[in-house]
PDB file of N, CA and C in Angstrom:
ATOM      1  N   MET A   1     -35.034 -66.763 -39.110  1.00  0.00           N
ATOM      2  CA  MET A   1     -34.534 -67.280 -40.376  1.00  0.00           C
ATOM      3  C   MET A   1     -33.933 -68.665 -40.122  1.00  0.00           C
ATOM      4  N   ASN A   2     -34.335 -69.632 -40.937  1.00  0.00           N
ATOM      5  CA  ASN A   2     -33.791 -70.978 -40.751  1.00  0.00           C
ATOM      6  C   ASN A   2     -32.429 -71.111 -41.436  1.00  0.00           C
ATOM      7  N   GLY A   3     -31.762 -72.240 -41.190  1.00  0.00           N
ATOM      8  CA  GLY A   3     -30.422 -72.452 -41.727  1.00  0.00           C
ATOM      9  C   GLY A   3     -30.358 -72.470 -43.242  1.00  0.00           C
ATOM     10  N   LEU A   4     -31.386 -73.032 -43.885  1.00  0.00           N
ATOM     11  CA  LEU A   4     -31.410 -73.068 -45.356  1.00  0.00           C
ATOM     12  C   LEU A   4     -31.505 -71.673 -45.941  1.00  0.00           C
ATOM     13  N   THR A   5     -32.414 -70.885 -45.403  1.00  0.00           N
ATOM     14  CA  THR A   5     -32.585 -69.514 -45.892  1.00  0.00           C
ATOM     15  C   THR A   5     -31.284 -68.742 -45.708  1.00  0.00           C
ATOM     16  N   ALA A   6     -30.679 -68.883 -44.538  1.00  0.00           N
ATOM     17  CA  ALA A   6     -29.419 -68.189 -44.264  1.00  0.00           C
ATOM     18  C   ALA A   6     -28.333 -68.615 -45.233  1.00  0.00           C
ATOM     19  N   TYR A   7     -28.288 -69.915 -45.549  1.00  0.00           N
ATOM     20  CA  TYR A   7     -27.282 -70.401 -46.490  1.00  0.00           C
ATOM     21  C   TYR A   7     -27.399 -69.677 -47.832  1.00  0.00           C
ATOM     22  N   TYR A   8     -28.603 -69.619 -48.366  1.00  0.00           N
ATOM     23  CA  TYR A   8     -28.798 -68.979 -49.667  1.00  0.00           C
ATOM     24  C   TYR A   8     -28.494 -67.486 -49.606  1.00  0.00           C
ATOM     25  N   LEU A   9     -28.940 -66.827 -48.557  1.00  0.00           N
ATOM     26  CA  LEU A   9     -28.772 -65.378 -48.461  1.00  0.00           C
ATOM     27  C   LEU A   9     -27.318 -64.954 -48.294  1.00  0.00           C
ATOM     28  N   LYS A  10     -26.485 -65.822 -47.735  1.00  0.00           N
ATOM     29  CA  LYS A  10     -25.081 -65.441 -47.535  1.00  0.00           C
ATOM     30  C   LYS A  10     -24.230 -65.612 -48.800  1.00  0.00           C
ATOM     31  N   GLN A  11     -24.781 -66.260 -49.822  1.00  0.00           N
ATOM     32  CA  GLN A  11     -24.043 -66.430 -51.075  1.00  0.00           C
ATOM     33  C   GLN A  11     -23.967 -65.096 -51.822  1.00  0.00           C
ATOM     34  N   GLU A  12     -22.895 -64.908 -52.534  1.00  0.00           N
ATOM     35  CA  GLU A  12     -22.756 -63.692 -53.329  1.00  0.00           C
ATOM     36  C   GLU A  12     -23.308 -63.930 -54.724  1.00  0.00           C
ATOM     37  N   GLU A  13     -23.751 -62.857 -55.354  1.00  0.00           N
ATOM     38  CA  GLU A  13     -24.234 -62.955 -56.734  1.00  0.00           C
ATOM     39  C   GLU A  13     -23.043 -63.195 -57.648  1.00  0.00           C
ATOM     40  N   PRO A  14     -23.179 -63.912 -58.727  1.00  0.00           N
ATOM     41  CA  PRO A  14     -24.404 -64.501 -59.263  1.00  0.00           C
ATOM     42  C   PRO A  14     -24.714 -65.896 -58.707  1.00  0.00           C
ATOM     43  N   VAL A  15     -23.852 -66.418 -57.801  1.00  0.00           N
ATOM     44  CA  VAL A  15     -24.060 -67.762 -57.261  1.00  0.00           C
ATOM     45  C   VAL A  15     -25.391 -67.848 -56.511  1.00  0.00           C
ATOM     46  N   LYS A  16     -25.727 -66.812 -55.762  1.00  0.00           N
ATOM     47  CA  LYS A  16     -26.988 -66.822 -55.020  1.00  0.00           C
ATOM     48  C   LYS A  16     -28.175 -67.040 -55.948  1.00  0.00           C
ATOM     49  N   SER A  17     -28.223 -66.309 -57.045  1.00  0.00           N
ATOM     50  CA  SER A  17     -29.336 -66.453 -57.997  1.00  0.00           C
ATOM     51  C   SER A  17     -29.352 -67.842 -58.636  1.00  0.00           C
ATOM     52  N   VAL A  18     -28.177 -68.360 -58.951  1.00  0.00           N
ATOM     53  CA  VAL A  18     -28.088 -69.704 -59.539  1.00  0.00           C
ATOM     54  C   VAL A  18     -28.626 -70.733 -58.550  1.00  0.00           C
ATOM     55  N   PHE A  19     -28.175 -70.668 -57.305  1.00  0.00           N
ATOM     56  CA  PHE A  19     -28.632 -71.629 -56.300  1.00  0.00           C
ATOM     57  C   PHE A  19     -30.141 -71.535 -56.068  1.00  0.00           C
ATOM     58  N   LEU A  20     -30.671 -70.324 -56.002  1.00  0.00           N
ATOM     59  CA  LEU A  20     -32.112 -70.163 -55.784  1.00  0.00           C
ATOM     60  C   LEU A  20     -32.906 -70.726 -56.958  1.00  0.00           C
ATOM     61  N   ALA A  21     -32.428 -70.502 -58.175  1.00  0.00           N
ATOM     62  CA  ALA A  21     -33.111 -71.044 -59.355  1.00  0.00           C
ATOM     63  C   ALA A  21     -33.021 -72.574 -59.360  1.00  0.00           C
ATOM     64  N   LEU A  22     -31.843 -73.103 -59.050  1.00  0.00           N
ATOM     65  CA  LEU A  22     -31.682 -74.560 -59.016  1.00  0.00           C
ATOM     66  C   LEU A  22     -32.576 -75.186 -57.946  1.00  0.00           C
ATOM     67  N   ARG A  23     -32.658 -74.532 -56.804  1.00  0.00           N
ATOM     68  CA  ARG A  23     -33.545 -75.029 -55.740  1.00  0.00           C
ATOM     69  C   ARG A  23     -34.973 -75.172 -56.255  1.00  0.00           C
ATOM     70  N   ASP A  24     -35.458 -74.133 -56.927  1.00  0.00           N
ATOM     71  CA  ASP A  24     -36.829 -74.165 -57.446  1.00  0.00           C
ATOM     72  C   ASP A  24     -37.010 -75.240 -58.516  1.00  0.00           C
ATOM     73  N   ILE A  25     -36.022 -75.398 -59.385  1.00  0.00           N
ATOM     74  CA  ILE A  25     -36.087 -76.418 -60.446  1.00  0.00           C
ATOM     75  C   ILE A  25     -36.120 -77.809 -59.830  1.00  0.00           C
ATOM     76  N   ILE A  26     -35.256 -78.049 -58.861  1.00  0.00           N
ATOM     77  CA  ILE A  26     -35.184 -79.371 -58.230  1.00  0.00           C
ATOM     78  C   ILE A  26     -36.484 -79.694 -57.497  1.00  0.00           C
ATOM     79  N   LEU A  27     -36.974 -78.760 -56.706  1.00  0.00           N
ATOM     80  CA  LEU A  27     -38.194 -79.007 -55.938  1.00  0.00           C
ATOM     81  C   LEU A  27     -39.415 -79.200 -56.833  1.00  0.00           C
ATOM     82  N   ALA A  28     -39.400 -78.623 -58.025  1.00  0.00           N
ATOM     83  CA  ALA A  28     -40.538 -78.742 -58.944  1.00  0.00           C
ATOM     84  C   ALA A  28     -40.588 -80.098 -59.644  1.00  0.00           C
ATOM     85  N   GLN A  29     -39.534 -80.893 -59.540  1.00  0.00           N
ATOM     86  CA  GLN A  29     -39.473 -82.171 -60.259  1.00  0.00           C
ATOM     87  C   GLN A  29     -40.412 -83.232 -59.709  1.00  0.00           C
ATOM     88  N   ASN A  30     -40.632 -83.208 -58.390  1.00  0.00           N
ATOM     89  CA  ASN A  30     -41.434 -84.267 -57.782  1.00  0.00           C
ATOM     90  C   ASN A  30     -41.880 -83.797 -56.407  1.00  0.00           C
ATOM     91  N   SER A  31     -43.133 -84.046 -56.065  1.00  0.00           N
ATOM     92  CA  SER A  31     -43.658 -83.598 -54.770  1.00  0.00           C
ATOM     93  C   SER A  31     -43.038 -84.364 -53.596  1.00  0.00           C
ATOM     94  N   GLY A  32     -42.374 -85.479 -53.872  1.00  0.00           N
ATOM     95  CA  GLY A  32     -41.725 -86.256 -52.816  1.00  0.00           C
ATOM     96  C   GLY A  32     -40.355 -85.736 -52.425  1.00  0.00           C
ATOM     97  N   ILE A  33     -39.886 -84.692 -53.098  1.00  0.00           N
ATOM     98  CA  ILE A  33     -38.554 -84.149 -52.807  1.00  0.00           C
ATOM     99  C   ILE A  33     -38.641 -83.203 -51.614  1.00  0.00           C
ATOM    100  N   THR A  34     -37.744 -83.404 -50.672  1.00  0.00           N
ATOM    101  CA  THR A  34     -37.631 -82.493 -49.535  1.00  0.00           C
ATOM    102  C   THR A  34     -36.279 -81.793 -49.603  1.00  0.00           C
ATOM    103  N   HIS A  35     -36.187 -80.721 -48.852  1.00  0.00           N
ATOM    104  CA  HIS A  35     -35.032 -79.838 -48.919  1.00  0.00           C
ATOM    105  C   HIS A  35     -34.566 -79.584 -47.493  1.00  0.00           C
ATOM    106  N   GLU A  36     -33.304 -79.851 -47.216  1.00  0.00           N
ATOM    107  CA  GLU A  36     -32.806 -79.628 -45.871  1.00  0.00           C
ATOM    108  C   GLU A  36     -31.315 -79.300 -45.892  1.00  0.00           C
ATOM    109  N   LEU A  37     -30.843 -78.789 -44.783  1.00  0.00           N
ATOM    110  CA  LEU A  37     -29.430 -78.462 -44.648  1.00  0.00           C
ATOM    111  C   LEU A  37     -28.734 -79.649 -43.998  1.00  0.00           C
ATOM    112  N   LYS A  38     -27.768 -80.248 -44.717  1.00  0.00           N
ATOM    113  CA  LYS A  38     -26.975 -81.363 -44.194  1.00  0.00           C
ATOM    114  C   LYS A  38     -25.510 -81.057 -44.493  1.00  0.00           C
ATOM    115  N   TYR A  39     -24.669 -81.319 -43.524  1.00  0.00           N
ATOM    116  CA  TYR A  39     -23.233 -81.082 -43.703  1.00  0.00           C
ATOM    117  C   TYR A  39     -22.943 -79.641 -44.121  1.00  0.00           C
ATOM    118  N   GLY A  40     -23.818 -78.719 -43.726  1.00  0.00           N
ATOM    119  CA  GLY A  40     -23.622 -77.311 -44.035  1.00  0.00           C
ATOM    120  C   GLY A  40     -23.978 -76.920 -45.453  1.00  0.00           C
ATOM    121  N   MET A  41     -24.658 -77.812 -46.190  1.00  0.00           N
ATOM    122  CA  MET A  41     -25.026 -77.499 -47.573  1.00  0.00           C
ATOM    123  C   MET A  41     -26.469 -77.910 -47.836  1.00  0.00           C
ATOM    124  N   PRO A  42     -27.112 -77.287 -48.833  1.00  0.00           N
ATOM    125  CA  PRO A  42     -28.486 -77.659 -49.164  1.00  0.00           C
ATOM    126  C   PRO A  42     -28.531 -79.023 -49.852  1.00  0.00           C
ATOM    127  N   PHE A  43     -29.239 -79.946 -49.221  1.00  0.00           N
ATOM    128  CA  PHE A  43     -29.431 -81.287 -49.765  1.00  0.00           C
ATOM    129  C   PHE A  43     -30.886 -81.471 -50.151  1.00  0.00           C
ATOM    130  N   PHE A  44     -31.086 -82.276 -51.169  1.00  0.00           N
ATOM    131  CA  PHE A  44     -32.434 -82.619 -51.624  1.00  0.00           C
ATOM    132  C   PHE A  44     -32.572 -84.123 -51.479  1.00  0.00           C
ATOM    133  N   CYS A  45     -33.651 -84.527 -50.836  1.00  0.00           N
ATOM    134  CA  CYS A  45     -33.885 -85.940 -50.564  1.00  0.00           C
ATOM    135  C   CYS A  45     -35.190 -86.368 -51.220  1.00  0.00           C
ATOM    136  N   TYR A  46     -35.229 -87.631 -51.584  1.00  0.00           N
ATOM    137  CA  TYR A  46     -36.468 -88.216 -52.080  1.00  0.00           C
ATOM    138  C   TYR A  46     -36.827 -89.352 -51.128  1.00  0.00           C
ATOM    139  N   LYS A  47     -37.960 -89.195 -50.470  1.00  0.00           N
ATOM    140  CA  LYS A  47     -38.426 -90.176 -49.478  1.00  0.00           C
ATOM    141  C   LYS A  47     -37.326 -90.514 -48.478  1.00  0.00           C
ATOM    142  N   GLY A  48     -36.661 -89.466 -48.007  1.00  0.00           N
ATOM    143  CA  GLY A  48     -35.643 -89.621 -46.973  1.00  0.00           C
ATOM    144  C   GLY A  48     -34.261 -90.001 -47.449  1.00  0.00           C
ATOM    145  N   LYS A  49     -34.100 -90.275 -48.740  1.00  0.00           N
ATOM    146  CA  LYS A  49     -32.788 -90.657 -49.269  1.00  0.00           C
ATOM    147  C   LYS A  49     -32.167 -89.475 -50.023  1.00  0.00           C
ATOM    148  N   MET A  50     -30.946 -89.133 -49.673  1.00  0.00           N
ATOM    149  CA  MET A  50     -30.261 -88.016 -50.312  1.00  0.00           C
ATOM    150  C   MET A  50     -30.005 -88.333 -51.780  1.00  0.00           C
ATOM    151  N   PHE A  51     -30.409 -87.405 -52.669  1.00  0.00           N
ATOM    152  CA  PHE A  51     -30.133 -87.676 -54.082  1.00  0.00           C
ATOM    153  C   PHE A  51     -29.340 -86.579 -54.766  1.00  0.00           C
ATOM    154  N   CYS A  52     -29.387 -85.340 -54.294  1.00  0.00           N
ATOM    155  CA  CYS A  52     -28.507 -84.312 -54.871  1.00  0.00           C
ATOM    156  C   CYS A  52     -28.318 -83.178 -53.873  1.00  0.00           C
ATOM    157  N   TYR A  53     -27.344 -82.334 -54.170  1.00  0.00           N
ATOM    158  CA  TYR A  53     -27.039 -81.207 -53.289  1.00  0.00           C
ATOM    159  C   TYR A  53     -26.434 -80.081 -54.122  1.00  0.00           C
ATOM    160  N   LEU A  54     -26.361 -78.906 -53.526  1.00  0.00           N
ATOM    161  CA  LEU A  54     -25.770 -77.735 -54.178  1.00  0.00           C
ATOM    162  C   LEU A  54     -24.509 -77.335 -53.431  1.00  0.00           C
ATOM    163  N   TRP A  55     -23.504 -76.955 -54.189  1.00  0.00           N
ATOM    164  CA  TRP A  55     -22.238 -76.534 -53.581  1.00  0.00           C
ATOM    165  C   TRP A  55     -21.450 -75.739 -54.605  1.00  0.00           C
ATOM    166  N   THR A  56     -20.330 -75.175 -54.183  1.00  0.00           N
ATOM    167  CA  THR A  56     -19.454 -74.434 -55.089  1.00  0.00           C
ATOM    168  C   THR A  56     -18.135 -75.177 -55.205  1.00  0.00           C
ATOM    169  N   HIS A  57     -17.706 -75.426 -56.436  1.00  0.00           N
ATOM    170  CA  HIS A  57     -16.455 -76.142 -56.697  1.00  0.00           C
ATOM    171  C   HIS A  57     -15.286 -75.232 -56.341  1.00  0.00           C
ATOM    172  N   LYS A  58     -14.426 -75.709 -55.456  1.00  0.00           N
ATOM    173  CA  LYS A  58     -13.317 -74.876 -54.993  1.00  0.00           C
ATOM    174  C   LYS A  58     -12.340 -74.525 -56.107  1.00  0.00           C
ATOM    175  N   LYS A  59     -11.976 -75.491 -56.940  1.00  0.00           N
ATOM    176  CA  LYS A  59     -11.000 -75.254 -58.001  1.00  0.00           C
ATOM    177  C   LYS A  59     -11.569 -74.365 -59.110  1.00  0.00           C
ATOM    178  N   HIS A  60     -12.775 -74.681 -59.566  1.00  0.00           N
ATOM    179  CA  HIS A  60     -13.374 -73.959 -60.685  1.00  0.00           C
ATOM    180  C   HIS A  60     -14.150 -72.717 -60.258  1.00  0.00           C
ATOM    181  N   GLN A  61     -14.400 -72.577 -58.957  1.00  0.00           N
ATOM    182  CA  GLN A  61     -15.169 -71.444 -58.422  1.00  0.00           C
ATOM    183  C   GLN A  61     -16.525 -71.298 -59.114  1.00  0.00           C
ATOM    184  N   GLN A  62     -17.177 -72.445 -59.349  1.00  0.00           N
ATOM    185  CA  GLN A  62     -18.496 -72.449 -59.987  1.00  0.00           C
ATOM    186  C   GLN A  62     -19.468 -73.235 -59.124  1.00  0.00           C
ATOM    187  N   PRO A  63     -20.728 -72.794 -59.117  1.00  0.00           N
ATOM    188  CA  PRO A  63     -21.732 -73.590 -58.419  1.00  0.00           C
ATOM    189  C   PRO A  63     -21.954 -74.903 -59.160  1.00  0.00           C
ATOM    190  N   TYR A  64     -22.416 -75.910 -58.426  1.00  0.00           N
ATOM    191  CA  TYR A  64     -22.705 -77.179 -59.081  1.00  0.00           C
ATOM    192  C   TYR A  64     -23.823 -77.915 -58.371  1.00  0.00           C
ATOM    193  N   ILE A  65     -24.391 -78.883 -59.102  1.00  0.00           N
ATOM    194  CA  ILE A  65     -25.315 -79.845 -58.518  1.00  0.00           C
ATOM    195  C   ILE A  65     -24.517 -81.135 -58.368  1.00  0.00           C
ATOM    196  N   GLY A  66     -24.473 -81.661 -57.159  1.00  0.00           N
ATOM    197  CA  GLY A  66     -23.826 -82.936 -56.917  1.00  0.00           C
ATOM    198  C   GLY A  66     -24.878 -84.028 -56.883  1.00  0.00           C
ATOM    199  N   PHE A  67     -24.632 -85.100 -57.598  1.00  0.00           N
ATOM    200  CA  PHE A  67     -25.563 -86.225 -57.642  1.00  0.00           C
ATOM    201  C   PHE A  67     -24.983 -87.380 -56.822  1.00  0.00           C
ATOM    202  N   VAL A  68     -25.700 -87.764 -55.782  1.00  0.00           N
ATOM    203  CA  VAL A  68     -25.210 -88.769 -54.852  1.00  0.00           C
ATOM    204  C   VAL A  68     -24.904 -90.087 -55.557  1.00  0.00           C
ATOM    205  N   GLU A  69     -25.773 -90.527 -56.441  1.00  0.00           N
ATOM    206  CA  GLU A  69     -25.537 -91.775 -57.173  1.00  0.00           C
ATOM    207  C   GLU A  69     -24.988 -91.497 -58.578  1.00  0.00           C
ATOM    208  N   GLY A  70     -24.186 -90.464 -58.698  1.00  0.00           N
ATOM    209  CA  GLY A  70     -23.629 -90.055 -59.975  1.00  0.00           C
ATOM    210  C   GLY A  70     -22.807 -91.116 -60.672  1.00  0.00           C
ATOM    211  N   LYS A  71     -22.281 -92.054 -59.917  1.00  0.00           N
ATOM    212  CA  LYS A  71     -21.474 -93.136 -60.531  1.00  0.00           C
ATOM    213  C   LYS A  71     -22.283 -93.911 -61.565  1.00  0.00           C
ATOM    214  N   LEU A  72     -23.593 -93.836 -61.487  1.00  0.00           N
ATOM    215  CA  LEU A  72     -24.469 -94.541 -62.423  1.00  0.00           C
ATOM    216  C   LEU A  72     -24.703 -93.755 -63.708  1.00  0.00           C
ATOM    217  N   PHE A  73     -24.226 -92.518 -63.764  1.00  0.00           N
ATOM    218  CA  PHE A  73     -24.444 -91.643 -64.920  1.00  0.00           C
ATOM    219  C   PHE A  73     -23.262 -91.759 -65.881  1.00  0.00           C
ATOM    220  N   ASP A  74     -23.556 -91.792 -67.185  1.00  0.00           N
ATOM    221  CA  ASP A  74     -22.510 -91.909 -68.199  1.00  0.00           C
ATOM    222  C   ASP A  74     -22.170 -90.583 -68.883  1.00  0.00           C
ATOM    223  N   GLU A  75     -22.878 -89.519 -68.554  1.00  0.00           N
ATOM    224  CA  GLU A  75     -22.677 -88.242 -69.241  1.00  0.00           C
ATOM    225  C   GLU A  75     -21.240 -87.752 -69.069  1.00  0.00           C
ATOM    226  N   SER A  76     -20.610 -87.453 -70.203  1.00  0.00           N
ATOM    227  CA  SER A  76     -19.198 -87.058 -70.186  1.00  0.00           C
ATOM    228  C   SER A  76     -18.971 -85.676 -69.570  1.00  0.00           C
ATOM    229  N   PHE A  77     -20.005 -84.857 -69.485  1.00  0.00           N
ATOM    230  CA  PHE A  77     -19.852 -83.515 -68.941  1.00  0.00           C
ATOM    231  C   PHE A  77     -19.917 -83.486 -67.415  1.00  0.00           C
ATOM    232  N   LEU A  78     -20.175 -84.628 -66.779  1.00  0.00           N
ATOM    233  CA  LEU A  78     -20.176 -84.701 -65.316  1.00  0.00           C
ATOM    234  C   LEU A  78     -18.760 -84.965 -64.822  1.00  0.00           C
ATOM    235  N   LEU A  79     -18.401 -84.364 -63.707  1.00  0.00           N
ATOM    236  CA  LEU A  79     -17.081 -84.566 -63.107  1.00  0.00           C
ATOM    237  C   LEU A  79     -17.174 -85.546 -61.949  1.00  0.00           C
ATOM    238  N   GLN A  80     -16.277 -86.516 -61.938  1.00  0.00           N
ATOM    239  CA  GLN A  80     -16.224 -87.449 -60.813  1.00  0.00           C
ATOM    240  C   GLN A  80     -15.047 -87.105 -59.910  1.00  0.00           C
ATOM    241  N   GLU A  81     -13.943 -86.697 -60.491  1.00  0.00           N
ATOM    242  CA  GLU A  81     -12.719 -86.367 -59.777  1.00  0.00           C
ATOM    243  C   GLU A  81     -12.353 -87.506 -58.829  1.00  0.00           C
ATOM    244  N   LYS A  82     -12.128 -87.226 -57.553  1.00  0.00           N
ATOM    245  CA  LYS A  82     -11.693 -88.270 -56.620  1.00  0.00           C
ATOM    246  C   LYS A  82     -12.862 -88.881 -55.851  1.00  0.00           C
ATOM    247  N   ARG A  83     -14.066 -88.611 -56.302  1.00  0.00           N
ATOM    248  CA  ARG A  83     -15.237 -89.156 -55.622  1.00  0.00           C
ATOM    249  C   ARG A  83     -15.508 -90.574 -56.138  1.00  0.00           C
ATOM    250  N   SER A  84     -15.857 -91.475 -55.256  1.00  0.00           N
ATOM    251  CA  SER A  84     -16.139 -92.841 -55.696  1.00  0.00           C
ATOM    252  C   SER A  84     -17.607 -93.010 -56.082  1.00  0.00           C
ATOM    253  N   ARG A  85     -18.473 -92.237 -55.489  1.00  0.00           N
ATOM    254  CA  ARG A  85     -19.907 -92.430 -55.690  1.00  0.00           C
ATOM    255  C   ARG A  85     -20.570 -91.260 -56.414  1.00  0.00           C
ATOM    256  N   MET A  86     -20.157 -90.062 -56.109  1.00  0.00           N
ATOM    257  CA  MET A  86     -20.839 -88.868 -56.604  1.00  0.00           C
ATOM    258  C   MET A  86     -20.175 -88.301 -57.850  1.00  0.00           C
ATOM    259  N   LYS A  87     -21.006 -87.616 -58.644  1.00  0.00           N
ATOM    260  CA  LYS A  87     -20.519 -86.824 -59.764  1.00  0.00           C
ATOM    261  C   LYS A  87     -21.184 -85.462 -59.678  1.00  0.00           C
ATOM    262  N   VAL A  88     -20.514 -84.457 -60.246  1.00  0.00           N
ATOM    263  CA  VAL A  88     -21.048 -83.101 -60.172  1.00  0.00           C
ATOM    264  C   VAL A  88     -21.241 -82.505 -61.563  1.00  0.00           C
ATOM    265  N   PHE A  89     -22.227 -81.629 -61.633  1.00  0.00           N
ATOM    266  CA  PHE A  89     -22.549 -80.902 -62.857  1.00  0.00           C
ATOM    267  C   PHE A  89     -22.281 -79.432 -62.598  1.00  0.00           C
ATOM    268  N   LEU A  90     -21.177 -78.932 -63.180  1.00  0.00           N
ATOM    269  CA  LEU A  90     -20.809 -77.524 -63.010  1.00  0.00           C
ATOM    270  C   LEU A  90     -21.786 -76.624 -63.757  1.00  0.00           C
ATOM    271  N   ILE A  91     -22.097 -75.483 -63.141  1.00  0.00           N
ATOM    272  CA  ILE A  91     -22.999 -74.505 -63.727  1.00  0.00           C
ATOM    273  C   ILE A  91     -22.225 -73.208 -63.942  1.00  0.00           C
ATOM    274  N   ASP A  92     -22.264 -72.673 -65.138  1.00  0.00           N
ATOM    275  CA  ASP A  92     -21.641 -71.377 -65.419  1.00  0.00           C
ATOM    276  C   ASP A  92     -22.581 -70.295 -64.892  1.00  0.00           C
ATOM    277  N   PRO A  93     -22.176 -69.566 -63.840  1.00  0.00           N
ATOM    278  CA  PRO A  93     -23.081 -68.588 -63.250  1.00  0.00           C
ATOM    279  C   PRO A  93     -23.327 -67.364 -64.129  1.00  0.00           C
ATOM    280  N   ASP A  94     -22.529 -67.210 -65.179  1.00  0.00           N
ATOM    281  CA  ASP A  94     -22.685 -66.046 -66.063  1.00  0.00           C
ATOM    282  C   ASP A  94     -23.442 -66.374 -67.341  1.00  0.00           C
ATOM    283  N   ALA A  95     -23.956 -67.585 -67.441  1.00  0.00           N
ATOM    284  CA  ALA A  95     -24.702 -68.010 -68.632  1.00  0.00           C
ATOM    285  C   ALA A  95     -26.110 -68.435 -68.215  1.00  0.00           C
ATOM    286  N   ASP A  96     -26.980 -68.576 -69.201  1.00  0.00           N
ATOM    287  CA  ASP A  96     -28.318 -69.088 -68.923  1.00  0.00           C
ATOM    288  C   ASP A  96     -28.190 -70.523 -68.407  1.00  0.00           C
ATOM    289  N   LEU A  97     -29.066 -70.878 -67.487  1.00  0.00           N
ATOM    290  CA  LEU A  97     -29.039 -72.242 -66.966  1.00  0.00           C
ATOM    291  C   LEU A  97     -29.398 -73.237 -68.063  1.00  0.00           C
ATOM    292  N   PRO A  98     -28.669 -74.336 -68.157  1.00  0.00           N
ATOM    293  CA  PRO A  98     -28.992 -75.380 -69.143  1.00  0.00           C
ATOM    294  C   PRO A  98     -30.144 -76.250 -68.608  1.00  0.00           C
ATOM    295  N   ILE A  99     -31.335 -75.685 -68.642  1.00  0.00           N
ATOM    296  CA  ILE A  99     -32.517 -76.307 -68.027  1.00  0.00           C
ATOM    297  C   ILE A  99     -32.732 -77.735 -68.521  1.00  0.00           C
ATOM    298  N   ASP A 100     -32.623 -77.957 -69.832  1.00  0.00           N
ATOM    299  CA  ASP A 100     -32.871 -79.298 -70.374  1.00  0.00           C
ATOM    300  C   ASP A 100     -31.903 -80.324 -69.781  1.00  0.00           C
ATOM    301  N   GLN A 101     -30.625 -79.972 -69.706  1.00  0.00           N
ATOM    302  CA  GLN A 101     -29.633 -80.889 -69.137  1.00  0.00           C
ATOM    303  C   GLN A 101     -29.910 -81.126 -67.655  1.00  0.00           C
ATOM    304  N   ILE A 102     -30.223 -80.063 -66.936  1.00  0.00           N
ATOM    305  CA  ILE A 102     -30.494 -80.177 -65.502  1.00  0.00           C
ATOM    306  C   ILE A 102     -31.685 -81.097 -65.261  1.00  0.00           C
ATOM    307  N   GLU A 103     -32.768 -80.871 -66.008  1.00  0.00           N
ATOM    308  CA  GLU A 103     -33.963 -81.693 -65.812  1.00  0.00           C
ATOM    309  C   GLU A 103     -33.725 -83.151 -66.214  1.00  0.00           C
ATOM    310  N   LEU A 104     -32.935 -83.377 -67.251  1.00  0.00           N
ATOM    311  CA  LEU A 104     -32.591 -84.745 -67.649  1.00  0.00           C
ATOM    312  C   LEU A 104     -31.830 -85.456 -66.522  1.00  0.00           C
ATOM    313  N   LEU A 105     -30.854 -84.779 -65.953  1.00  0.00           N
ATOM    314  CA  LEU A 105     -30.067 -85.366 -64.868  1.00  0.00           C
ATOM    315  C   LEU A 105     -30.924 -85.615 -63.628  1.00  0.00           C
ATOM    316  N   LEU A 106     -31.789 -84.671 -63.312  1.00  0.00           N
ATOM    317  CA  LEU A 106     -32.668 -84.844 -62.152  1.00  0.00           C
ATOM    318  C   LEU A 106     -33.618 -86.023 -62.363  1.00  0.00           C
ATOM    319  N   GLU A 107     -34.120 -86.150 -63.576  1.00  0.00           N
ATOM    320  CA  GLU A 107     -35.012 -87.269 -63.892  1.00  0.00           C
ATOM    321  C   GLU A 107     -34.277 -88.600 -63.732  1.00  0.00           C
ATOM    322  N   LYS A 108     -33.034 -88.663 -64.240  1.00  0.00           N
ATOM    323  CA  LYS A 108     -32.245 -89.891 -64.106  1.00  0.00           C
ATOM    324  C   LYS A 108     -31.988 -90.208 -62.635  1.00  0.00           C
ATOM    325  N   ALA A 109     -31.666 -89.182 -61.869  1.00  0.00           N
ATOM    326  CA  ALA A 109     -31.390 -89.391 -60.447  1.00  0.00           C
ATOM    327  C   ALA A 109     -32.642 -89.877 -59.722  1.00  0.00           C
ATOM    328  N   LEU A 110     -33.767 -89.261 -60.002  1.00  0.00           N
ATOM    329  CA  LEU A 110     -35.014 -89.686 -59.357  1.00  0.00           C
ATOM    330  C   LEU A 110     -35.423 -91.084 -59.781  1.00  0.00           C
ATOM    331  N   ASN A 111     -35.204 -91.431 -61.033  1.00  0.00           N
ATOM    332  CA  ASN A 111     -35.576 -92.763 -61.509  1.00  0.00           C
ATOM    333  C   ASN A 111     -34.844 -93.860 -60.720  1.00  0.00           C
ATOM    334  N   TYR A 112     -33.643 -93.567 -60.293  1.00  0.00           N
ATOM    335  CA  TYR A 112     -32.899 -94.530 -59.481  1.00  0.00           C
ATOM    336  C   TYR A 112     -33.681 -94.860 -58.195  1.00  0.00           C
ATOM    337  N   TYR A 113     -34.280 -93.833 -57.593  1.00  0.00           N
ATOM    338  CA  TYR A 113     -35.005 -94.015 -56.330  1.00  0.00           C
ATOM    339  C   TYR A 113     -36.440 -94.511 -56.545  1.00  0.00           C
ATOM    340  N   LEU A 114     -36.953 -94.354 -57.752  1.00  0.00           N
ATOM    341  CA  LEU A 114     -38.313 -94.777 -58.038  1.00  0.00           C
ATOM    342  C   LEU A 114     -38.402 -96.254 -58.392  1.00  0.00           C
ATOM    343  N   LYS A 115     -37.274 -96.875 -58.673  1.00  0.00           N
ATOM    344  CA  LYS A 115     -37.272 -98.301 -59.029  1.00  0.00           C
ATOM    345  C   LYS A 115     -37.770 -99.125 -57.849  1.00  0.00           C
ATOM    346  N   PRO A 116     -38.575-100.148 -58.122  1.00  0.00           N
ATOM    347  CA  PRO A 116     -39.093-100.972 -57.015  1.00  0.00           C
ATOM    348  C   PRO A 116     -38.004-101.818 -56.371  1.00  0.00           C
TER     349      PRO A 116
END
């Protein structure tokens, strides 16, 4: 079992299911996206550049997608907190995933890396 698989399997439900679904959604966005374990967390890279990751917010106890270049996003529902560059999108593990919002954010994040 590799480190990524172990990471997902050690999560408790419903966070495990949320992370697995988010992984599939993120990887389906573009064939150039790779998935690896960095800093002990699942990171998603586009052409070698880190663009988002999955983690659990300590204060809110909710899974989230962290966007590396989140500072470029204006969406009021993203949290920046004390981060200078990144913003996070909290996911309610007891509700249906907000697929439209997730895909919109992923598209915006990828567009940053697709610019010439």
